[in-house]
Amino acid sequence: QQPGTPLSEEEYRQFFRSLRTARRASTACLLRELYGCQNPLVQRLDEYENHGVIPEGPICSELPGTPFFPNFCTFTFYRCTKKRYFIKV
Protein backbone atom coordinates (compact mmCIF):
# COMPACT_ATOMS: atom_id res chain seq x y z
CA GLN A 1 0.00 0.00 0.00
CA GLN A 2 1.07 3.54 -0.67
CA PRO A 3 1.63 5.79 2.35
CA GLY A 4 -1.50 7.82 3.09
CA THR A 5 -3.92 5.38 1.49
CA PRO A 6 -6.71 3.79 3.55
CA LEU A 7 -6.36 0.31 4.99
CA SER A 8 -7.90 -2.63 3.17
CA GLU A 9 -10.92 -4.39 4.68
CA GLU A 10 -8.68 -7.10 6.18
CA GLU A 11 -6.24 -4.50 7.53
CA TYR A 12 -9.14 -2.64 9.20
CA ARG A 13 -10.38 -5.86 10.79
CA GLN A 14 -6.90 -6.60 12.13
CA PHE A 15 -6.43 -3.01 13.33
CA PHE A 16 -9.71 -2.90 15.25
CA ARG A 17 -9.30 -6.44 16.58
CA SER A 18 -6.05 -5.43 18.28
CA LEU A 19 -7.63 -2.27 19.71
CA ARG A 20 -10.50 -4.23 21.25
CA THR A 21 -8.07 -6.72 22.77
CA ALA A 22 -5.92 -4.00 24.35
CA ARG A 23 -9.03 -2.28 25.69
CA ARG A 24 -10.16 -5.54 27.30
CA ALA A 25 -6.73 -6.01 28.85
CA SER A 26 -6.83 -2.44 30.12
CA THR A 27 -10.26 -3.07 31.65
CA ALA A 28 -8.96 -6.20 33.40
CA CYS A 29 -6.10 -4.09 34.79
CA LEU A 30 -8.57 -1.52 36.07
CA LEU A 31 -10.53 -4.26 37.87
CA ARG A 32 -7.28 -5.54 39.36
CA GLU A 33 -6.36 -2.04 40.54
CA LEU A 34 -9.79 -1.38 42.05
CA TYR A 35 -10.42 -4.73 43.71
CA GLY A 36 -7.05 -6.46 44.10
CA CYS A 37 -5.96 -9.97 43.31
CA GLN A 38 -8.21 -11.58 45.92
CA ASN A 39 -11.38 -10.46 44.17
CA PRO A 40 -13.25 -13.51 42.78
CA LEU A 41 -13.64 -11.95 39.32
CA VAL A 42 -9.93 -11.08 39.13
CA GLN A 43 -9.04 -14.58 40.31
CA ARG A 44 -11.25 -16.08 37.58
CA LEU A 45 -9.42 -13.97 34.99
CA ASP A 46 -6.07 -15.15 36.38
CA GLU A 47 -7.22 -18.76 36.34
CA TYR A 48 -8.48 -18.39 32.78
CA GLU A 49 -5.13 -16.99 31.70
CA ASN A 50 -3.33 -19.94 33.29
CA HIS A 51 -5.56 -22.87 32.26
CA GLY A 52 -7.45 -23.05 35.54
CA VAL A 53 -4.68 -22.61 38.13
CA ILE A 54 -3.09 -19.39 39.40
CA PRO A 55 0.67 -20.05 39.50
CA GLU A 56 2.42 -19.84 42.82
CA GLY A 57 5.60 -17.78 43.08
CA PRO A 58 8.23 -17.09 42.20
CA ILE A 59 7.14 -16.22 38.67
CA CYS A 60 9.57 -16.13 35.74
CA SER A 61 8.57 -13.88 32.86
CA GLU A 62 9.61 -13.00 29.33
CA LEU A 63 10.47 -9.47 30.47
CA PRO A 64 14.14 -8.70 29.87
CA GLY A 65 15.80 -7.20 32.91
CA THR A 66 12.90 -8.10 35.23
CA PRO A 67 12.64 -11.86 34.96
CA PHE A 68 11.37 -12.79 38.47
CA PHE A 69 8.35 -11.78 40.55
CA PRO A 70 7.41 -13.13 44.00
CA ASN A 71 3.91 -14.15 42.85
CA PHE A 72 1.46 -13.91 39.96
CA CYS A 73 -0.33 -10.92 41.49
CA THR A 74 2.88 -8.87 41.55
CA PHE A 75 3.63 -9.89 37.99
CA THR A 76 0.18 -8.84 36.74
CA PHE A 77 0.36 -5.48 38.55
CA TYR A 78 3.74 -4.84 36.97
CA ARG A 79 2.43 -5.81 33.56
CA CYS A 80 -0.56 -3.48 34.00
CA THR A 81 1.44 -0.48 35.19
CA LYS A 82 3.85 -0.83 32.25
CA LYS A 83 0.93 -1.42 29.82
CA ARG A 84 2.65 -4.55 28.55
CA TYR A 85 -0.55 -6.56 28.80
CA PHE A 86 0.47 -9.58 26.81
CA ILE A 87 3.80 -10.51 28.41
CA LYS A 88 3.66 -14.14 29.51
CA VAL A 89 5.07 -16.08 32.43
C-alpha atoms as a PDB file:
ATOM      1  CA  GLN A   1       0.000   0.000   0.000  1.00  0.00           C
ATOM      2  CA  GLN A   2       1.066   3.535  -0.671  1.00  0.00           C
ATOM      3  CA  PRO A   3       1.629   5.792   2.352  1.00  0.00           C
ATOM      4  CA  GLY A   4      -1.499   7.820   3.088  1.00  0.00           C
ATOM      5  CA  THR A   5      -3.924   5.375   1.488  1.00  0.00           C
ATOM      6  CA  PRO A   6      -6.706   3.787   3.552  1.00  0.00           C
ATOM      7  CA  LEU A   7      -6.364   0.313   4.995  1.00  0.00           C
ATOM      8  CA  SER A   8      -7.895  -2.635   3.172  1.00  0.00           C
ATOM      9  CA  GLU A   9     -10.922  -4.386   4.681  1.00  0.00           C
ATOM     10  CA  GLU A  10      -8.685  -7.099   6.180  1.00  0.00           C
ATOM     11  CA  GLU A  11      -6.244  -4.505   7.526  1.00  0.00           C
ATOM     12  CA  TYR A  12      -9.135  -2.640   9.196  1.00  0.00           C
ATOM     13  CA  ARG A  13     -10.385  -5.856  10.790  1.00  0.00           C
ATOM     14  CA  GLN A  14      -6.899  -6.599  12.132  1.00  0.00           C
ATOM     15  CA  PHE A  15      -6.429  -3.008  13.327  1.00  0.00           C
ATOM     16  CA  PHE A  16      -9.712  -2.896  15.250  1.00  0.00           C
ATOM     17  CA  ARG A  17      -9.295  -6.443  16.581  1.00  0.00           C
ATOM     18  CA  SER A  18      -6.052  -5.430  18.275  1.00  0.00           C
ATOM     19  CA  LEU A  19      -7.626  -2.265  19.714  1.00  0.00           C
ATOM     20  CA  ARG A  20     -10.497  -4.226  21.254  1.00  0.00           C
ATOM     21  CA  THR A  21      -8.065  -6.718  22.768  1.00  0.00           C
ATOM     22  CA  ALA A  22      -5.915  -3.995  24.349  1.00  0.00           C
ATOM     23  CA  ARG A  23      -9.031  -2.284  25.691  1.00  0.00           C
ATOM     24  CA  ARG A  24     -10.163  -5.542  27.300  1.00  0.00           C
ATOM     25  CA  ALA A  25      -6.731  -6.013  28.846  1.00  0.00           C
ATOM     26  CA  SER A  26      -6.831  -2.443  30.123  1.00  0.00           C
ATOM     27  CA  THR A  27     -10.262  -3.074  31.654  1.00  0.00           C
ATOM     28  CA  ALA A  28      -8.961  -6.201  33.404  1.00  0.00           C
ATOM     29  CA  CYS A  29      -6.104  -4.091  34.792  1.00  0.00           C
ATOM     30  CA  LEU A  30      -8.573  -1.517  36.073  1.00  0.00           C
ATOM     31  CA  LEU A  31     -10.535  -4.264  37.872  1.00  0.00           C
ATOM     32  CA  ARG A  32      -7.281  -5.535  39.365  1.00  0.00           C
ATOM     33  CA  GLU A  33      -6.358  -2.039  40.540  1.00  0.00           C
ATOM     34  CA  LEU A  34      -9.788  -1.379  42.051  1.00  0.00           C
ATOM     35  CA  TYR A  35     -10.420  -4.728  43.714  1.00  0.00           C
ATOM     36  CA  GLY A  36      -7.053  -6.458  44.096  1.00  0.00           C
ATOM     37  CA  CYS A  37      -5.961  -9.971  43.306  1.00  0.00           C
ATOM     38  CA  GLN A  38      -8.208 -11.581  45.924  1.00  0.00           C
ATOM     39  CA  ASN A  39     -11.379 -10.463  44.174  1.00  0.00           C
ATOM     40  CA  PRO A  40     -13.250 -13.508  42.781  1.00  0.00           C
ATOM     41  CA  LEU A  41     -13.638 -11.949  39.316  1.00  0.00           C
ATOM     42  CA  VAL A  42      -9.930 -11.082  39.130  1.00  0.00           C
ATOM     43  CA  GLN A  43      -9.044 -14.581  40.306  1.00  0.00           C
ATOM     44  CA  ARG A  44     -11.247 -16.080  37.580  1.00  0.00           C
ATOM     45  CA  LEU A  45      -9.420 -13.970  34.990  1.00  0.00           C
ATOM     46  CA  ASP A  46      -6.074 -15.148  36.384  1.00  0.00           C
ATOM     47  CA  GLU A  47      -7.224 -18.760  36.343  1.00  0.00           C
ATOM     48  CA  TYR A  48      -8.475 -18.391  32.782  1.00  0.00           C
ATOM     49  CA  GLU A  49      -5.126 -16.986  31.700  1.00  0.00           C
ATOM     50  CA  ASN A  50      -3.335 -19.942  33.291  1.00  0.00           C
ATOM     51  CA  HIS A  51      -5.561 -22.871  32.258  1.00  0.00           C
ATOM     52  CA  GLY A  52      -7.448 -23.052  35.545  1.00  0.00           C
ATOM     53  CA  VAL A  53      -4.680 -22.610  38.132  1.00  0.00           C
ATOM     54  CA  ILE A  54      -3.094 -19.391  39.396  1.00  0.00           C
ATOM     55  CA  PRO A  55       0.665 -20.052  39.498  1.00  0.00           C
ATOM     56  CA  GLU A  56       2.424 -19.839  42.823  1.00  0.00           C
ATOM     57  CA  GLY A  57       5.598 -17.780  43.081  1.00  0.00           C
ATOM     58  CA  PRO A  58       8.225 -17.092  42.200  1.00  0.00           C
ATOM     59  CA  ILE A  59       7.144 -16.219  38.667  1.00  0.00           C
ATOM     60  CA  CYS A  60       9.565 -16.134  35.741  1.00  0.00           C
ATOM     61  CA  SER A  61       8.569 -13.876  32.863  1.00  0.00           C
ATOM     62  CA  GLU A  62       9.607 -12.997  29.329  1.00  0.00           C
ATOM     63  CA  LEU A  63      10.472  -9.468  30.467  1.00  0.00           C
ATOM     64  CA  PRO A  64      14.139  -8.699  29.868  1.00  0.00           C
ATOM     65  CA  GLY A  65      15.799  -7.201  32.912  1.00  0.00           C
ATOM     66  CA  THR A  66      12.898  -8.101  35.226  1.00  0.00           C
ATOM     67  CA  PRO A  67      12.642 -11.864  34.959  1.00  0.00           C
ATOM     68  CA  PHE A  68      11.372 -12.788  38.472  1.00  0.00           C
ATOM     69  CA  PHE A  69       8.353 -11.784  40.546  1.00  0.00           C
ATOM     70  CA  PRO A  70       7.412 -13.132  43.996  1.00  0.00           C
ATOM     71  CA  ASN A  71       3.908 -14.147  42.846  1.00  0.00           C
ATOM     72  CA  PHE A  72       1.463 -13.910  39.959  1.00  0.00           C
ATOM     73  CA  CYS A  73      -0.325 -10.917  41.486  1.00  0.00           C
ATOM     74  CA  THR A  74       2.884  -8.868  41.554  1.00  0.00           C
ATOM     75  CA  PHE A  75       3.627  -9.889  37.986  1.00  0.00           C
ATOM     76  CA  THR A  76       0.185  -8.838  36.742  1.00  0.00           C
ATOM     77  CA  PHE A  77       0.360  -5.480  38.547  1.00  0.00           C
ATOM     78  CA  TYR A  78       3.741  -4.838  36.972  1.00  0.00           C
ATOM     79  CA  ARG A  79       2.425  -5.811  33.565  1.00  0.00           C
ATOM     80  CA  CYS A  80      -0.558  -3.481  34.001  1.00  0.00           C
ATOM     81  CA  THR A  81       1.444  -0.482  35.191  1.00  0.00           C
ATOM     82  CA  LYS A  82       3.850  -0.831  32.255  1.00  0.00           C
ATOM     83  CA  LYS A  83       0.927  -1.416  29.822  1.00  0.00           C
ATOM     84  CA  ARG A  84       2.651  -4.545  28.547  1.00  0.00           C
ATOM     85  CA  TYR A  85      -0.553  -6.558  28.798  1.00  0.00           C
ATOM     86  CA  PHE A  86       0.472  -9.580  26.810  1.00  0.00           C
ATOM     87  CA  ILE A  87       3.796 -10.511  28.406  1.00  0.00           C
ATOM     88  CA  LYS A  88       3.664 -14.143  29.513  1.00  0.00           C
ATOM     89  CA  VAL A  89       5.072 -16.076  32.426  1.00  0.00           C
END
